[in-house]
Amino acid sequence: MILALIFIIAGCGKDPSFTTEDTETATILGEVVNVREKPGASYPIITQLKKGETYPVIEEKDDWYEIELKSGETGWIAGWLASKKAGKVKPSKGIIAVQNLNVRSEPSTESDILGKLEEGDKVKVLEENNGWSKIPFESGTAWVSSEYIKVAQDKTKQEPANVMVLHDDSKIRKKPDIESSIVGQAYAGEVYEVIDQKNDWVEVKTSKGKKGYIASWIVSMTDRPASQRRPGKGISGKLIVIDAGHGGHDQGAAGTNGTLEKDLTLKTAKMLKKKLEKADAHVVLTRTGDKYVPLYDRTNKAAENRADAFISLHYDSIDDSSASGHTTYYYHSYERRLADTLHSHLSKSVQLKDRGSQFGNYYVMRENTQPAVLLELGYLSNEDEEKIIKTEKYRKKVIEAIVEGLNDYFK
């Protein structure tokens, strides 16, 4: 009777060394990724995850993954912000890199020490959890610090990566040869999924669905999702995220006569949205009212919607009250053409000092996975300029220039 009971209890328990092999996992690619109640960008946010974290995948729906959080709760993340290991997760092999490595009962330095491993010992890594590796140990499993394991390289074929084009008017050729015929054009900032690689050439699919090769020395590897090639000429069919700077308790700059930057950016954003939608573009605003929105939520809007462009609207301020003019900023080199094109149209439209398009180290561009620019549309700290830029007439000129600039850029 006792022996039978022992078998029943043993049969009811799960051996974790087997369960991990049947688990699909998703590794977070974005710097900060929202977890939502349901599969869609409009649903409430449960929590946020950081880049590099890995979670079990329960279900997939419409390019969204339902994952199990460490708390045991479940939620949904955008599939293009994570890398999923399809099928069974295979254990990896490793070698211990230090002497007297503690083997623990749980993935924590506070847990019991079950034994020691020596430098050169070979182990099988069944699972990883926030810097800890689960390994078979004696008659069960245990945990060791991942930092001290040299994991053998997996020589199986890897999933195709994405590449980003570094230069405008890059050629996509029929064969992996500089003399081969041209089947398509690629532009700075566009992202393509890699189909295959041959020597110094990368095989990709063109916007028209044809396969072709692009030279590896004019692209770079990226975690960004492949560009969403929405049909339509110019801005028609494109998705634009408009970011009204500041909001809520963050009022931004304040003019000499009391004009608040957060109010001007929202008015400009709403007018720009209407104008873009008349041109058959799809528009998402990062805020629709006087509300504070964290910077990571603003960039996440672009990632979740796979925006064709992200435009952050601002008005400048400085201690020198004589400073004036408008400036366009970009961070990544592939965004320069977007910045230059918009700035050119703004310079023709608004009668302010032209301060040029230039590099700017701002979060909403630096941490953005989509092409992004930041527009400073005049100085509120300049009393004379404040009178001009707070008018509806000025805003109309600004939005017309932006729409024309985007049309020009997307051609």
Protein backbone atom coordinates (compact mmCIF):
# COMPACT_ATOMS: atom_id res chain seq x y z
CA MET A 1 0.00 0.00 0.00
CA ILE A 2 2.80 2.41 0.93
CA LEU A 3 4.75 1.48 -2.20
CA ALA A 4 1.68 2.12 -4.37
CA LEU A 5 1.18 5.52 -2.75
CA ILE A 6 4.78 6.44 -3.50
CA PHE A 7 4.24 5.60 -7.18
CA ILE A 8 1.04 7.67 -7.29
CA ILE A 9 2.75 10.70 -5.77
CA ALA A 10 5.74 10.34 -8.11
CA GLY A 11 3.43 10.04 -11.11
CA CYS A 12 1.53 13.22 -10.20
CA GLY A 13 4.66 15.39 -10.03
CA LYS A 14 6.00 17.08 -13.17
CA ASP A 15 9.66 16.74 -14.07
CA PRO A 16 10.69 20.26 -15.11
CA SER A 17 13.53 18.93 -17.22
CA PHE A 18 10.89 17.65 -19.66
CA THR A 19 8.32 20.46 -19.58
CA THR A 20 10.71 23.13 -20.79
CA GLU A 21 11.29 21.27 -24.05
CA ASP A 22 7.63 21.68 -25.02
CA THR A 23 7.42 25.41 -24.28
CA GLU A 24 7.44 28.21 -26.84
CA THR A 25 9.06 31.37 -25.53
CA ALA A 26 9.09 35.02 -26.55
CA THR A 27 12.13 37.22 -25.93
CA ILE A 28 11.44 40.96 -25.65
CA LEU A 29 13.14 43.07 -28.37
CA GLY A 30 11.87 46.59 -27.56
CA GLU A 31 13.47 48.66 -24.79
CA VAL A 32 10.12 48.81 -22.98
CA VAL A 33 7.15 46.73 -24.19
CA ASN A 34 3.56 47.06 -22.98
CA VAL A 35 1.61 43.99 -21.86
CA ARG A 36 -2.11 44.41 -22.61
CA GLU A 37 -5.28 42.71 -21.42
CA LYS A 38 -6.22 41.59 -24.93
CA PRO A 39 -4.52 41.37 -28.35
CA GLY A 40 -4.66 44.97 -29.60
CA ALA A 41 -2.98 48.35 -29.08
CA SER A 42 -6.22 49.90 -27.78
CA TYR A 43 -6.61 47.60 -24.75
CA PRO A 44 -5.51 48.59 -21.22
CA ILE A 45 -1.87 48.07 -20.19
CA ILE A 46 -1.28 45.49 -17.42
CA THR A 47 2.46 45.97 -16.98
CA GLN A 48 5.65 46.63 -18.95
CA LEU A 49 8.56 44.36 -19.83
CA LYS A 50 12.20 45.10 -20.54
CA LYS A 51 14.45 44.13 -23.43
CA GLY A 52 15.99 40.64 -23.18
CA GLU A 53 13.40 39.15 -20.82
CA THR A 54 11.91 35.79 -21.87
CA TYR A 55 8.38 34.50 -21.20
CA PRO A 56 6.39 31.35 -22.11
CA VAL A 57 3.97 31.80 -25.02
CA ILE A 58 0.46 30.45 -24.43
CA GLU A 59 -1.32 31.51 -27.62
CA GLU A 60 -0.83 33.56 -30.79
CA LYS A 61 -3.53 35.70 -32.40
CA ASP A 62 -3.31 38.33 -35.17
CA ASP A 63 0.45 38.87 -34.67
CA TRP A 64 0.02 39.15 -30.88
CA TYR A 65 1.39 36.69 -28.30
CA GLU A 66 -0.35 35.75 -25.08
CA ILE A 67 2.40 35.19 -22.50
CA GLU A 68 2.62 33.96 -18.93
CA LEU A 69 4.11 36.55 -16.56
CA LYS A 70 6.26 35.70 -13.56
CA SER A 71 3.28 36.48 -11.30
CA GLY A 72 1.29 33.71 -13.00
CA GLU A 73 -1.00 36.20 -14.75
CA THR A 74 -1.30 36.27 -18.53
CA GLY A 75 -1.28 39.17 -20.98
CA TRP A 76 -0.69 40.05 -24.63
CA ILE A 77 2.33 41.61 -26.35
CA ALA A 78 2.81 42.75 -29.94
CA GLY A 79 4.51 39.98 -31.91
CA TRP A 80 6.79 42.38 -33.80
CA LEU A 81 8.29 43.55 -30.47
CA ALA A 82 9.39 40.04 -29.48
CA SER A 83 11.29 37.11 -30.92
CA LYS A 84 9.47 33.79 -30.58
CA LYS A 85 11.21 30.44 -30.64
CA ALA A 86 8.92 28.28 -32.75
CA GLY A 87 8.33 24.65 -31.86
CA LYS A 88 10.13 22.89 -29.06
CA VAL A 89 12.84 24.68 -27.15
CA LYS A 90 15.92 22.49 -27.30
CA PRO A 91 18.24 22.31 -24.30
CA SER A 92 21.67 23.83 -24.94
CA LYS A 93 25.04 22.53 -23.83
CA GLY A 94 27.52 24.48 -21.74
CA ILE A 95 30.80 24.30 -19.87
CA ILE A 96 31.38 25.65 -16.36
CA ALA A 97 33.90 28.50 -16.49
CA VAL A 98 34.90 28.84 -12.79
CA GLN A 99 35.97 26.72 -9.85
CA ASN A 100 33.56 25.80 -7.03
CA LEU A 101 30.37 27.10 -8.64
CA ASN A 102 27.42 26.88 -6.26
CA VAL A 103 24.49 24.75 -7.41
CA ARG A 104 21.27 26.04 -5.84
CA SER A 105 17.73 24.79 -5.30
CA GLU A 106 16.12 27.94 -6.76
CA PRO A 107 17.22 30.78 -9.11
CA SER A 108 18.34 32.98 -6.22
CA THR A 109 21.45 33.56 -4.11
CA GLU A 110 19.20 33.19 -1.06
CA SER A 111 18.26 29.58 -1.89
CA ASP A 112 19.92 26.42 -0.51
CA ILE A 113 23.26 25.22 -1.93
CA LEU A 114 22.86 21.64 -3.17
CA GLY A 115 26.45 21.11 -4.30
CA LYS A 116 29.39 22.43 -6.35
CA LEU A 117 30.56 22.25 -9.95
CA GLU A 118 34.15 22.61 -11.12
CA GLU A 119 35.71 24.45 -14.07
CA GLY A 120 35.37 22.36 -17.23
CA ASP A 121 32.31 20.40 -16.09
CA LYS A 122 29.79 19.94 -18.89
CA VAL A 123 26.15 20.76 -18.26
CA LYS A 124 22.85 20.79 -20.16
CA VAL A 125 20.93 24.07 -19.83
CA LEU A 126 17.21 23.26 -19.72
CA GLU A 127 15.88 26.74 -19.09
CA GLU A 128 17.02 30.32 -18.38
CA ASN A 129 15.38 32.70 -15.93
CA ASN A 130 16.72 36.24 -15.30
CA GLY A 131 20.40 35.33 -15.23
CA TRP A 132 20.00 31.77 -13.89
CA SER A 133 20.24 28.46 -15.76
CA LYS A 134 18.31 25.30 -14.84
CA ILE A 135 20.40 22.14 -15.21
CA PRO A 136 19.95 18.41 -14.46
CA PHE A 137 21.60 17.72 -11.10
CA GLU A 138 21.85 14.39 -9.28
CA SER A 139 18.33 12.88 -9.45
CA GLY A 140 16.49 16.14 -10.23
CA THR A 141 17.18 19.68 -11.40
CA ALA A 142 18.95 22.70 -9.90
CA TRP A 143 20.06 26.25 -10.73
CA VAL A 144 23.42 27.92 -11.40
CA SER A 145 24.35 31.47 -12.38
CA SER A 146 24.29 31.82 -16.19
CA GLU A 147 27.24 34.21 -15.95
CA TYR A 148 29.60 31.31 -15.30
CA ILE A 149 28.47 29.01 -18.12
CA LYS A 150 30.02 29.07 -21.56
CA VAL A 151 27.16 27.99 -23.82
CA ALA A 152 28.10 26.09 -26.96
CA GLN A 153 27.06 27.81 -30.17
CA ASP A 154 23.98 26.38 -31.89
CA LYS A 155 25.09 25.41 -35.38
CA THR A 156 21.59 24.79 -36.67
CA LYS A 157 20.20 27.24 -39.19
CA GLN A 158 19.00 30.45 -37.53
CA GLU A 159 15.71 32.20 -38.19
CA PRO A 160 16.02 34.94 -40.85
CA ALA A 161 17.01 38.30 -39.40
CA ASN A 162 16.08 41.76 -40.67
CA VAL A 163 18.35 44.28 -42.32
CA MET A 164 18.02 48.06 -42.52
CA VAL A 165 19.11 50.01 -45.60
CA LEU A 166 21.74 52.66 -44.86
CA HIS A 167 21.66 54.72 -48.07
CA ASP A 168 19.03 56.14 -50.40
CA ASP A 169 18.64 54.73 -53.92
CA SER A 170 20.29 51.42 -53.00
CA LYS A 171 19.92 48.80 -55.73
CA ILE A 172 18.19 45.44 -55.34
CA ARG A 173 19.60 43.10 -57.98
CA LYS A 174 18.33 39.93 -59.61
CA LYS A 175 21.47 37.96 -58.68
CA PRO A 176 24.17 38.41 -56.01
CA ASP A 177 26.45 40.28 -58.40
CA ILE A 178 27.23 43.98 -58.92
CA GLU A 179 26.73 43.51 -62.67
CA SER A 180 23.31 41.85 -62.32
CA SER A 181 20.15 43.60 -63.49
CA ILE A 182 18.24 45.84 -61.07
CA VAL A 183 14.82 44.61 -59.86
CA GLY A 184 14.08 47.25 -57.24
CA GLN A 185 15.18 50.33 -55.28
CA ALA A 186 15.67 50.59 -51.50
CA TYR A 187 15.87 53.71 -49.37
CA ALA A 188 17.59 54.66 -46.11
CA GLY A 189 15.64 53.44 -43.09
CA GLU A 190 13.66 50.74 -44.89
CA VAL A 191 13.76 47.33 -43.21
CA TYR A 192 13.68 44.02 -45.12
CA GLU A 193 13.37 40.45 -43.90
CA VAL A 194 16.35 38.32 -44.86
CA ILE A 195 15.42 35.28 -46.96
CA ASP A 196 18.95 34.00 -47.47
CA GLN A 197 22.59 35.10 -47.59
CA LYS A 198 25.17 34.40 -50.28
CA ASN A 199 28.71 35.60 -49.74
CA ASP A 200 28.49 39.42 -49.38
CA TRP A 201 24.85 39.61 -50.56
CA VAL A 202 21.54 39.43 -48.73
CA GLU A 203 18.42 38.03 -50.42
CA VAL A 204 15.27 40.05 -49.71
CA LYS A 205 11.78 40.51 -51.09
CA THR A 206 11.01 43.80 -52.90
CA SER A 207 7.93 45.94 -52.30
CA LYS A 208 6.41 44.36 -55.43
CA GLY A 209 6.89 40.85 -54.08
CA LYS A 210 9.92 39.96 -56.18
CA LYS A 211 13.02 38.41 -54.67
CA GLY A 212 16.36 40.08 -55.14
CA TYR A 213 19.78 40.71 -53.62
CA ILE A 214 21.19 43.74 -51.86
CA ALA A 215 24.88 44.19 -50.99
CA SER A 216 25.61 43.46 -47.33
CA TRP A 217 27.93 46.47 -47.04
CA ILE A 218 25.02 48.92 -47.54
CA VAL A 219 22.73 47.39 -44.89
CA SER A 220 22.97 46.65 -41.16
CA MET A 221 21.34 44.03 -38.95
CA THR A 222 18.40 45.32 -36.93
CA ASP A 223 15.68 44.25 -34.46
CA ARG A 224 13.20 46.59 -36.13
CA PRO A 225 10.23 44.91 -37.84
CA ALA A 226 10.19 44.79 -41.63
CA SER A 227 8.80 47.97 -43.18
CA GLN A 228 5.05 47.97 -43.69
CA ARG A 229 4.68 48.78 -47.37
CA ARG A 230 1.20 50.23 -47.43
CA PRO A 231 -0.15 50.77 -50.95
CA GLY A 232 -0.79 54.28 -52.21
CA LYS A 233 1.07 57.13 -53.87
CA GLY A 234 2.78 59.64 -51.63
CA ILE A 235 1.17 59.84 -48.21
CA SER A 236 -1.97 57.94 -49.20
CA GLY A 237 -2.32 54.77 -47.12
CA LYS A 238 0.66 55.58 -44.87
CA LEU A 239 0.38 55.48 -41.08
CA ILE A 240 1.72 58.56 -39.30
CA VAL A 241 2.10 58.93 -35.53
CA ILE A 242 1.88 62.55 -34.40
CA ASP A 243 3.39 63.29 -31.02
CA ALA A 244 2.10 66.46 -29.32
CA GLY A 245 5.01 67.28 -27.01
CA HIS A 246 4.51 67.59 -23.23
CA GLY A 247 1.04 67.56 -21.60
CA GLY A 248 -0.57 67.39 -18.15
CA HIS A 249 1.80 68.48 -15.39
CA ASP A 250 4.58 68.79 -18.00
CA GLN A 251 3.69 72.13 -19.58
CA GLY A 252 6.90 72.48 -21.60
CA ALA A 253 8.05 75.98 -22.49
CA ALA A 254 6.10 79.08 -21.46
CA GLY A 255 5.98 82.26 -23.52
CA THR A 256 6.51 85.79 -22.23
CA ASN A 257 2.77 86.37 -22.52
CA GLY A 258 1.78 83.07 -20.95
CA THR A 259 1.48 80.82 -24.01
CA LEU A 260 2.11 77.19 -23.01
CA GLU A 261 3.96 74.79 -25.29
CA LYS A 262 1.74 71.83 -24.31
CA ASP A 263 -1.35 73.73 -25.58
CA LEU A 264 0.24 74.75 -28.88
CA THR A 265 1.57 71.27 -29.67
CA LEU A 266 -1.86 69.69 -29.08
CA LYS A 267 -3.65 72.25 -31.26
CA THR A 268 -1.08 71.72 -34.01
CA ALA A 269 -1.33 67.92 -33.73
CA LYS A 270 -5.13 67.91 -34.03
CA MET A 271 -5.08 70.22 -37.07
CA LEU A 272 -2.34 68.13 -38.67
CA LYS A 273 -4.35 64.94 -38.08
CA LYS A 274 -7.35 66.33 -39.97
CA LYS A 275 -5.20 67.50 -42.86
CA LEU A 276 -3.40 64.17 -43.15
CA GLU A 277 -6.62 62.17 -43.04
CA LYS A 278 -8.01 64.30 -45.88
CA ALA A 279 -4.96 63.14 -47.84
CA ASP A 280 -6.00 59.51 -47.10
CA ALA A 281 -3.30 58.86 -44.47
CA HIS A 282 -3.90 56.90 -41.27
CA VAL A 283 -3.09 58.94 -38.17
CA VAL A 284 -2.46 58.06 -34.52
CA LEU A 285 -1.99 60.75 -31.86
CA THR A 286 0.17 60.05 -28.81
CA ARG A 287 -2.25 62.18 -26.77
CA THR A 288 -5.66 63.69 -27.54
CA GLY A 289 -6.05 65.89 -24.45
CA ASP A 290 -4.12 67.70 -21.72
CA LYS A 291 -2.63 64.50 -20.33
CA TYR A 292 0.89 63.54 -19.34
CA VAL A 293 2.20 60.70 -21.50
CA PRO A 294 5.57 59.03 -20.63
CA LEU A 295 8.18 59.08 -23.38
CA TYR A 296 8.25 55.28 -23.68
CA ASP A 297 4.48 55.25 -24.33
CA ARG A 298 5.00 57.73 -27.16
CA THR A 299 7.64 55.61 -28.90
CA ASN A 300 5.63 52.44 -28.25
CA LYS A 301 2.74 53.97 -30.23
CA ALA A 302 5.03 54.05 -33.25
CA ALA A 303 6.26 50.47 -32.74
CA GLU A 304 2.83 48.97 -32.04
CA ASN A 305 1.34 50.59 -35.13
CA ARG A 306 4.41 50.01 -37.30
CA ALA A 307 4.34 53.69 -38.21
CA ASP A 308 5.72 54.83 -41.54
CA ALA A 309 6.79 58.04 -39.79
CA PHE A 310 6.74 59.53 -36.27
CA ILE A 311 6.62 63.33 -35.95
CA SER A 312 7.15 64.99 -32.57
CA LEU A 313 5.89 68.58 -32.36
CA HIS A 314 7.53 71.15 -30.07
CA TYR A 315 8.07 74.89 -29.58
CA ASP A 316 11.44 76.11 -28.36
CA SER A 317 12.59 78.22 -25.43
CA ILE A 318 15.95 79.56 -24.23
CA ASP A 319 17.26 82.16 -21.78
CA ASP A 320 18.37 84.37 -24.67
CA SER A 321 15.12 86.15 -25.63
CA SER A 322 16.58 87.17 -29.00
CA ALA A 323 16.87 83.55 -30.20
CA SER A 324 14.44 82.71 -33.01
CA GLY A 325 13.70 80.29 -35.80
CA HIS A 326 12.60 76.73 -36.51
CA THR A 327 14.75 73.57 -36.33
CA THR A 328 14.26 69.96 -37.43
CA TYR A 329 16.05 67.17 -35.59
CA TYR A 330 16.89 63.56 -36.46
CA TYR A 331 18.92 60.97 -34.51
CA HIS A 332 19.63 58.01 -36.82
CA SER A 333 21.38 58.67 -40.13
CA TYR A 334 18.60 56.96 -42.09
CA GLU A 335 16.16 59.62 -40.76
CA ARG A 336 18.09 62.49 -42.31
CA ARG A 337 16.22 62.42 -45.62
CA LEU A 338 12.89 62.62 -43.78
CA ALA A 339 14.20 65.52 -41.66
CA ASP A 340 15.70 67.38 -44.64
CA THR A 341 12.54 66.96 -46.73
CA LEU A 342 10.18 68.24 -44.02
CA HIS A 343 12.51 71.09 -43.10
CA SER A 344 12.80 72.23 -46.70
CA HIS A 345 9.02 72.56 -46.99
CA LEU A 346 8.73 74.29 -43.61
CA SER A 347 11.42 76.80 -44.57
CA LYS A 348 9.49 77.74 -47.72
CA SER A 349 6.21 78.10 -45.83
CA VAL A 350 6.98 79.86 -42.53
CA GLN A 351 8.67 83.24 -42.30
CA LEU A 352 11.01 82.38 -39.43
CA LYS A 353 14.78 82.10 -39.24
CA ASP A 354 15.95 78.82 -40.76
CA ARG A 355 18.07 76.98 -38.16
CA GLY A 356 18.47 73.91 -40.37
CA SER A 357 17.94 70.19 -39.89
CA GLN A 358 20.48 68.64 -37.54
CA PHE A 359 21.32 65.76 -35.22
CA GLY A 360 19.47 65.74 -31.88
CA ASN A 361 19.83 63.24 -29.05
CA TYR A 362 16.19 63.07 -27.94
CA TYR A 363 14.48 59.99 -26.45
CA VAL A 364 11.51 59.94 -28.84
CA MET A 365 13.95 59.54 -31.74
CA ARG A 366 16.80 57.64 -30.11
CA GLU A 367 14.55 54.91 -28.66
CA ASN A 368 12.15 54.77 -31.59
CA THR A 369 12.01 51.69 -33.80
CA GLN A 370 10.33 53.66 -36.60
CA PRO A 371 11.61 56.64 -38.67
CA ALA A 372 11.21 59.69 -36.41
CA VAL A 373 11.89 63.43 -36.42
CA LEU A 374 11.36 66.22 -33.90
CA LEU A 375 10.21 69.66 -35.04
CA GLU A 376 10.90 72.82 -33.02
CA LEU A 377 8.46 75.27 -34.61
CA GLY A 378 9.63 78.58 -33.19
CA TYR A 379 10.73 80.24 -29.93
CA LEU A 380 8.16 81.03 -27.25
CA SER A 381 10.93 82.78 -25.31
CA ASN A 382 11.07 85.43 -28.07
CA GLU A 383 8.17 87.82 -27.43
CA ASP A 384 7.79 88.86 -31.08
CA GLU A 385 7.98 85.27 -32.31
CA GLU A 386 5.49 84.12 -29.67
CA LYS A 387 2.87 86.46 -31.17
CA ILE A 388 3.34 84.80 -34.56
CA ILE A 389 3.55 81.12 -33.64
CA LYS A 390 0.52 81.08 -31.34
CA THR A 391 -1.83 82.08 -34.19
CA GLU A 392 -4.03 79.72 -36.19
CA LYS A 393 -2.68 81.27 -39.38
CA TYR A 394 0.83 80.13 -38.47
CA ARG A 395 -0.33 76.62 -37.56
CA LYS A 396 -2.07 76.28 -40.93
CA LYS A 397 1.18 77.12 -42.71
CA VAL A 398 3.03 74.58 -40.58
CA ILE A 399 0.64 71.68 -41.22
CA GLU A 400 0.44 72.39 -44.96
CA ALA A 401 4.24 72.29 -45.13
CA ILE A 402 4.39 69.02 -43.16
CA VAL A 403 1.79 67.33 -45.36
CA GLU A 404 3.55 68.48 -48.53
CA GLY A 405 6.87 67.34 -47.09
CA LEU A 406 5.55 63.87 -46.25
CA ASN A 407 4.03 63.55 -49.71
CA ASP A 408 7.40 64.46 -51.19
CA TYR A 409 9.26 62.05 -48.88
CA PHE A 410 7.00 59.06 -49.63
CA LYS A 411 7.27 59.57 -53.38
